[in-house]
């Protein structure tokens, strides 16, 4: 199979493809492109999900170019979540509280940012422990959250609102706001 067949053939993408991606530094380890591109092909969607190696310096300016480049969305990972927040035209309430964005959608030429870290964290708890994580019934037990960057305060805040009793455990010295560890799950 040639490169041309892979790009424009069955399950590939064309010049009209929807382009989205993930940015961070480093990014070559990310499995996201493989996962997203698999599902784009499976469902016959003319699209491509690309990794963007984006060092922290210049990240805000690079993110601001997404609309001009025709990129429809971007996931953001370390260390660019705070810079992504600073590049947004609009943010959701969780991104506003955390001052960090991990999901960008381009609509009408504007950058809309969201932070879904804590939601994903709590949903993974619910999926892994359905009997012990029944938030509606206020049966959520103590949730250990290891402080690791900007997401952990959001995880603790959401857990508290869902009647959990989050506990912070420090397993290492404090990290800076630009730490490379910025995940809550």
C-alpha atoms as a PDB file:
ATOM      1  CA  UNK A   1       0.000   0.000   0.000  1.00  0.00           C
ATOM      2  CA  UNK A   2       1.394   3.378  -0.969  1.00  0.00           C
ATOM      3  CA  UNK A   3       1.279   6.541   1.100  1.00  0.00           C
ATOM      4  CA  UNK A   4      -1.270   7.917  -1.368  1.00  0.00           C
ATOM      5  CA  UNK A   5      -3.515   4.880  -0.800  1.00  0.00           C
ATOM      6  CA  UNK A   6      -3.264   5.284   2.975  1.00  0.00           C
ATOM      7  CA  UNK A   7      -4.100   8.982   2.828  1.00  0.00           C
ATOM      8  CA  UNK A   8      -6.821   9.162   0.204  1.00  0.00           C
ATOM      9  CA  UNK A   9      -7.879   5.546  -0.170  1.00  0.00           C
ATOM     10  CA  UNK A  10     -10.595   3.690   1.729  1.00  0.00           C
ATOM     11  CA  UNK A  11     -10.519   4.772   5.340  1.00  0.00           C
ATOM     12  CA  UNK A  12      -8.108   7.637   4.636  1.00  0.00           C
ATOM     13  CA  UNK A  13      -8.711  11.359   4.438  1.00  0.00           C
ATOM     14  CA  UNK A  14      -8.935  13.971   1.701  1.00  0.00           C
ATOM     15  CA  UNK A  15      -8.182  17.668   1.338  1.00  0.00           C
ATOM     16  CA  UNK A  16     -11.641  18.342   2.790  1.00  0.00           C
ATOM     17  CA  UNK A  17     -10.862  16.386   5.968  1.00  0.00           C
ATOM     18  CA  UNK A  18     -11.726  17.667   9.417  1.00  0.00           C
ATOM     19  CA  UNK A  19      -8.407  18.230  11.183  1.00  0.00           C
ATOM     20  CA  UNK A  20      -7.992  17.924  14.936  1.00  0.00           C
ATOM     21  CA  UNK A  21      -5.129  16.921  17.171  1.00  0.00           C
ATOM     22  CA  UNK A  22      -3.307  16.876  20.452  1.00  0.00           C
ATOM     23  CA  UNK A  23      -0.542  19.256  21.513  1.00  0.00           C
ATOM     24  CA  UNK A  24       2.057  18.972  24.226  1.00  0.00           C
ATOM     25  CA  UNK A  25       5.762  18.642  24.854  1.00  0.00           C
ATOM     26  CA  UNK A  26       6.888  16.001  24.389  1.00  0.00           C
ATOM     27  CA  UNK A  27       4.077  14.405  22.396  1.00  0.00           C
ATOM     28  CA  UNK A  28       5.614  11.531  20.435  1.00  0.00           C
ATOM     29  CA  UNK A  29       4.593   9.054  23.172  1.00  0.00           C
ATOM     30  CA  UNK A  30       0.889   9.907  22.844  1.00  0.00           C
ATOM     31  CA  UNK A  31      -1.447   7.111  21.817  1.00  0.00           C
ATOM     32  CA  UNK A  32      -4.244   9.563  21.049  1.00  0.00           C
ATOM     33  CA  UNK A  33      -3.542   9.876  17.299  1.00  0.00           C
ATOM     34  CA  UNK A  34      -3.567   6.116  16.826  1.00  0.00           C
ATOM     35  CA  UNK A  35      -6.813   5.740  18.800  1.00  0.00           C
ATOM     36  CA  UNK A  36      -8.670   8.658  17.195  1.00  0.00           C
ATOM     37  CA  UNK A  37      -7.537   7.851  13.662  1.00  0.00           C
ATOM     38  CA  UNK A  38      -8.629   4.229  14.113  1.00  0.00           C
ATOM     39  CA  UNK A  39     -12.161   5.339  14.967  1.00  0.00           C
ATOM     40  CA  UNK A  40     -12.249   7.938  12.198  1.00  0.00           C
ATOM     41  CA  UNK A  41     -11.438   5.138   9.730  1.00  0.00           C
ATOM     42  CA  UNK A  42     -13.871   2.687  11.358  1.00  0.00           C
ATOM     43  CA  UNK A  43     -16.752   5.147  10.919  1.00  0.00           C
ATOM     44  CA  UNK A  44     -15.664   6.373   7.502  1.00  0.00           C
ATOM     45  CA  UNK A  45     -15.193   9.956   8.685  1.00  0.00           C
ATOM     46  CA  UNK A  46     -13.095  12.168   6.436  1.00  0.00           C
ATOM     47  CA  UNK A  47     -10.807  13.399   9.171  1.00  0.00           C
ATOM     48  CA  UNK A  48      -7.374  13.160  10.709  1.00  0.00           C
ATOM     49  CA  UNK A  49      -6.079  13.529  14.270  1.00  0.00           C
ATOM     50  CA  UNK A  50      -2.509  14.814  14.392  1.00  0.00           C
ATOM     51  CA  UNK A  51       0.074  15.115  17.179  1.00  0.00           C
ATOM     52  CA  UNK A  52       1.542  18.636  17.445  1.00  0.00           C
ATOM     53  CA  UNK A  53       4.876  18.878  19.255  1.00  0.00           C
ATOM     54  CA  UNK A  54       4.455  22.234  20.972  1.00  0.00           C
ATOM     55  CA  UNK A  55       7.019  23.484  23.490  1.00  0.00           C
ATOM     56  CA  UNK A  56       5.664  25.698  26.250  1.00  0.00           C
ATOM     57  CA  UNK A  57       7.425  28.767  24.857  1.00  0.00           C
ATOM     58  CA  UNK A  58       5.233  29.969  22.004  1.00  0.00           C
ATOM     59  CA  UNK A  59       2.322  27.641  22.803  1.00  0.00           C
ATOM     60  CA  UNK A  60      -0.189  30.472  23.273  1.00  0.00           C
ATOM     61  CA  UNK A  61       0.670  32.003  19.895  1.00  0.00           C
ATOM     62  CA  UNK A  62       0.602  28.604  18.187  1.00  0.00           C
ATOM     63  CA  UNK A  63      -2.816  27.799  19.657  1.00  0.00           C
ATOM     64  CA  UNK A  64      -4.177  31.171  18.504  1.00  0.00           C
ATOM     65  CA  UNK A  65      -3.430  30.081  14.892  1.00  0.00           C
ATOM     66  CA  UNK A  66      -5.803  27.082  14.987  1.00  0.00           C
ATOM     67  CA  UNK A  67      -8.745  28.881  13.322  1.00  0.00           C
ATOM     68  CA  UNK A  68      -6.558  30.288  10.526  1.00  0.00           C
ATOM     69  CA  UNK A  69      -5.130  26.828   9.848  1.00  0.00           C
ATOM     70  CA  UNK A  70      -8.582  25.252   9.645  1.00  0.00           C
ATOM     71  CA  UNK A  71      -7.978  23.024  12.658  1.00  0.00           C
ATOM     72  CA  UNK A  72     -11.341  22.263  14.262  1.00  0.00           C
ATOM     73  CA  UNK A  73     -10.204  21.134  17.686  1.00  0.00           C
ATOM     74  CA  UNK A  74      -7.298  20.251  19.887  1.00  0.00           C
ATOM     75  CA  UNK A  75      -6.665  18.261  23.025  1.00  0.00           C
ATOM     76  CA  UNK A  76      -4.019  19.825  25.232  1.00  0.00           C
ATOM     77  CA  UNK A  77      -1.606  18.003  27.476  1.00  0.00           C
ATOM     78  CA  UNK A  78       1.423  18.989  29.518  1.00  0.00           C
ATOM     79  CA  UNK A  79       2.886  21.505  29.740  1.00  0.00           C
ATOM     80  CA  UNK A  80       0.482  23.641  27.682  1.00  0.00           C
ATOM     81  CA  UNK A  81      -2.793  23.648  29.641  1.00  0.00           C
ATOM     82  CA  UNK A  82      -2.255  27.044  31.282  1.00  0.00           C
ATOM     83  CA  UNK A  83      -1.030  28.646  28.045  1.00  0.00           C
ATOM     84  CA  UNK A  84      -4.049  27.190  26.247  1.00  0.00           C
ATOM     85  CA  UNK A  85      -6.280  28.857  28.837  1.00  0.00           C
ATOM     86  CA  UNK A  86      -4.598  32.191  28.110  1.00  0.00           C
ATOM     87  CA  UNK A  87      -5.203  31.749  24.367  1.00  0.00           C
ATOM     88  CA  UNK A  88      -8.976  31.149  24.596  1.00  0.00           C
ATOM     89  CA  UNK A  89     -11.768  33.491  23.537  1.00  0.00           C
ATOM     90  CA  UNK A  90     -14.226  31.694  25.834  1.00  0.00           C
ATOM     91  CA  UNK A  91     -13.821  29.061  28.572  1.00  0.00           C
ATOM     92  CA  UNK A  92     -16.187  26.864  30.557  1.00  0.00           C
ATOM     93  CA  UNK A  93     -16.581  27.299  34.301  1.00  0.00           C
ATOM     94  CA  UNK A  94     -14.171  24.476  35.169  1.00  0.00           C
ATOM     95  CA  UNK A  95     -11.423  25.876  32.967  1.00  0.00           C
ATOM     96  CA  UNK A  96     -12.077  29.304  34.488  1.00  0.00           C
ATOM     97  CA  UNK A  97     -11.695  27.963  38.027  1.00  0.00           C
ATOM     98  CA  UNK A  98      -8.589  25.979  37.232  1.00  0.00           C
ATOM     99  CA  UNK A  99      -7.064  28.487  34.797  1.00  0.00           C
ATOM    100  CA  UNK A 100      -6.219  25.515  32.556  1.00  0.00           C
ATOM    101  CA  UNK A 101      -7.709  24.099  29.343  1.00  0.00           C
ATOM    102  CA  UNK A 102      -7.367  20.544  28.039  1.00  0.00           C
ATOM    103  CA  UNK A 103      -9.990  20.648  25.269  1.00  0.00           C
ATOM    104  CA  UNK A 104     -10.279  23.280  22.529  1.00  0.00           C
ATOM    105  CA  UNK A 105     -13.099  23.558  20.001  1.00  0.00           C
ATOM    106  CA  UNK A 106     -12.956  26.074  17.163  1.00  0.00           C
ATOM    107  CA  UNK A 107     -16.417  27.517  16.354  1.00  0.00           C
ATOM    108  CA  UNK A 108     -17.059  30.511  14.136  1.00  0.00           C
ATOM    109  CA  UNK A 109     -13.368  31.401  14.237  1.00  0.00           C
ATOM    110  CA  UNK A 110     -13.288  31.547  18.049  1.00  0.00           C
ATOM    111  CA  UNK A 111     -11.415  29.313  20.475  1.00  0.00           C
ATOM    112  CA  UNK A 112     -13.647  27.696  23.110  1.00  0.00           C
ATOM    113  CA  UNK A 113     -11.803  25.996  25.976  1.00  0.00           C
ATOM    114  CA  UNK A 114     -12.915  23.421  28.504  1.00  0.00           C
ATOM    115  CA  UNK A 115     -11.295  21.404  31.255  1.00  0.00           C
ATOM    116  CA  UNK A 116     -12.536  17.825  31.441  1.00  0.00           C
ATOM    117  CA  UNK A 117      -9.822  16.371  33.677  1.00  0.00           C
ATOM    118  CA  UNK A 118     -11.887  16.044  36.846  1.00  0.00           C
ATOM    119  CA  UNK A 119     -14.958  14.763  35.007  1.00  0.00           C
ATOM    120  CA  UNK A 120     -12.839  12.004  33.492  1.00  0.00           C
ATOM    121  CA  UNK A 121     -11.282  11.271  36.860  1.00  0.00           C
ATOM    122  CA  UNK A 122     -14.652  10.855  38.587  1.00  0.00           C
ATOM    123  CA  UNK A 123     -16.144   8.853  35.716  1.00  0.00           C
ATOM    124  CA  UNK A 124     -13.202   6.448  35.805  1.00  0.00           C
ATOM    125  CA  UNK A 125     -13.768   5.995  39.554  1.00  0.00           C
ATOM    126  CA  UNK A 126     -17.446   5.330  38.948  1.00  0.00           C
ATOM    127  CA  UNK A 127     -16.668   2.822  36.211  1.00  0.00           C
ATOM    128  CA  UNK A 128     -14.005   1.014  38.239  1.00  0.00           C
ATOM    129  CA  UNK A 129     -15.991   0.911  41.503  1.00  0.00           C
ATOM    130  CA  UNK A 130     -19.715   1.185  40.702  1.00  0.00           C
ATOM    131  CA  UNK A 131     -20.834  -0.022  44.139  1.00  0.00           C
ATOM    132  CA  UNK A 132     -18.591   2.394  46.030  1.00  0.00           C
ATOM    133  CA  UNK A 133     -18.945   5.376  43.726  1.00  0.00           C
ATOM    134  CA  UNK A 134     -22.639   6.174  43.660  1.00  0.00           C
ATOM    135  CA  UNK A 135     -22.543   9.925  43.655  1.00  0.00           C
ATOM    136  CA  UNK A 136     -26.276  10.392  43.395  1.00  0.00           C
ATOM    137  CA  UNK A 137     -26.756   8.369  46.563  1.00  0.00           C
ATOM    138  CA  UNK A 138     -23.952  10.190  48.369  1.00  0.00           C
ATOM    139  CA  UNK A 139     -22.111   6.914  48.955  1.00  0.00           C
ATOM    140  CA  UNK A 140     -18.829   8.023  47.429  1.00  0.00           C
ATOM    141  CA  UNK A 141     -16.109   7.030  49.840  1.00  0.00           C
ATOM    142  CA  UNK A 142     -12.823   8.779  50.506  1.00  0.00           C
ATOM    143  CA  UNK A 143     -10.948   9.579  47.296  1.00  0.00           C
ATOM    144  CA  UNK A 144      -7.159   9.775  47.447  1.00  0.00           C
ATOM    145  CA  UNK A 145      -5.863  12.471  45.092  1.00  0.00           C
ATOM    146  CA  UNK A 146      -2.123  12.747  44.733  1.00  0.00           C
ATOM    147  CA  UNK A 147      -1.276  16.421  44.083  1.00  0.00           C
ATOM    148  CA  UNK A 148       0.146  16.506  40.559  1.00  0.00           C
ATOM    149  CA  UNK A 149      -0.234  19.845  38.866  1.00  0.00           C
ATOM    150  CA  UNK A 150      -3.237  21.956  37.959  1.00  0.00           C
ATOM    151  CA  UNK A 151      -5.758  19.128  37.647  1.00  0.00           C
ATOM    152  CA  UNK A 152      -5.627  17.798  41.178  1.00  0.00           C
ATOM    153  CA  UNK A 153      -7.381  20.815  42.776  1.00  0.00           C
ATOM    154  CA  UNK A 154     -10.191  20.420  40.224  1.00  0.00           C
ATOM    155  CA  UNK A 155     -10.436  16.693  40.960  1.00  0.00           C
ATOM    156  CA  UNK A 156     -10.640  17.368  44.701  1.00  0.00           C
ATOM    157  CA  UNK A 157     -13.218  20.149  44.189  1.00  0.00           C
ATOM    158  CA  UNK A 158     -15.463  17.975  42.028  1.00  0.00           C
ATOM    159  CA  UNK A 159     -15.147  15.017  44.375  1.00  0.00           C
ATOM    160  CA  UNK A 160     -16.116  17.270  47.301  1.00  0.00           C
ATOM    161  CA  UNK A 161     -19.188  18.479  45.394  1.00  0.00           C
ATOM    162  CA  UNK A 162     -20.144  14.876  44.757  1.00  0.00           C
ATOM    163  CA  UNK A 163     -20.016  14.130  48.500  1.00  0.00           C
ATOM    164  CA  UNK A 164     -16.626  12.490  48.467  1.00  0.00           C
ATOM    165  CA  UNK A 165     -14.098  13.122  51.170  1.00  0.00           C
ATOM    166  CA  UNK A 166     -10.968  13.702  49.088  1.00  0.00           C
ATOM    167  CA  UNK A 167      -7.632  13.285  50.776  1.00  0.00           C
ATOM    168  CA  UNK A 168      -4.470  14.869  49.473  1.00  0.00           C
ATOM    169  CA  UNK A 169      -1.336  12.795  49.787  1.00  0.00           C
ATOM    170  CA  UNK A 170       2.050  14.166  48.922  1.00  0.00           C
ATOM    171  CA  UNK A 171       4.276  11.449  47.493  1.00  0.00           C
ATOM    172  CA  UNK A 172       6.970  13.808  46.255  1.00  0.00           C
ATOM    173  CA  UNK A 173       8.159  17.366  46.817  1.00  0.00           C
ATOM    174  CA  UNK A 174       5.797  20.110  45.552  1.00  0.00           C
ATOM    175  CA  UNK A 175       5.922  20.701  41.817  1.00  0.00           C
ATOM    176  CA  UNK A 176       5.803  24.021  40.038  1.00  0.00           C
ATOM    177  CA  UNK A 177       2.747  25.225  38.083  1.00  0.00           C
ATOM    178  CA  UNK A 178       4.603  24.310  34.902  1.00  0.00           C
ATOM    179  CA  UNK A 179       5.219  20.771  36.083  1.00  0.00           C
ATOM    180  CA  UNK A 180       5.256  18.002  33.535  1.00  0.00           C
ATOM    181  CA  UNK A 181       2.908  15.993  35.772  1.00  0.00           C
ATOM    182  CA  UNK A 182      -0.489  17.501  35.114  1.00  0.00           C
ATOM    183  CA  UNK A 183      -2.990  14.667  35.238  1.00  0.00           C
ATOM    184  CA  UNK A 184      -5.590  13.658  37.768  1.00  0.00           C
ATOM    185  CA  UNK A 185      -6.142  10.116  36.553  1.00  0.00           C
END
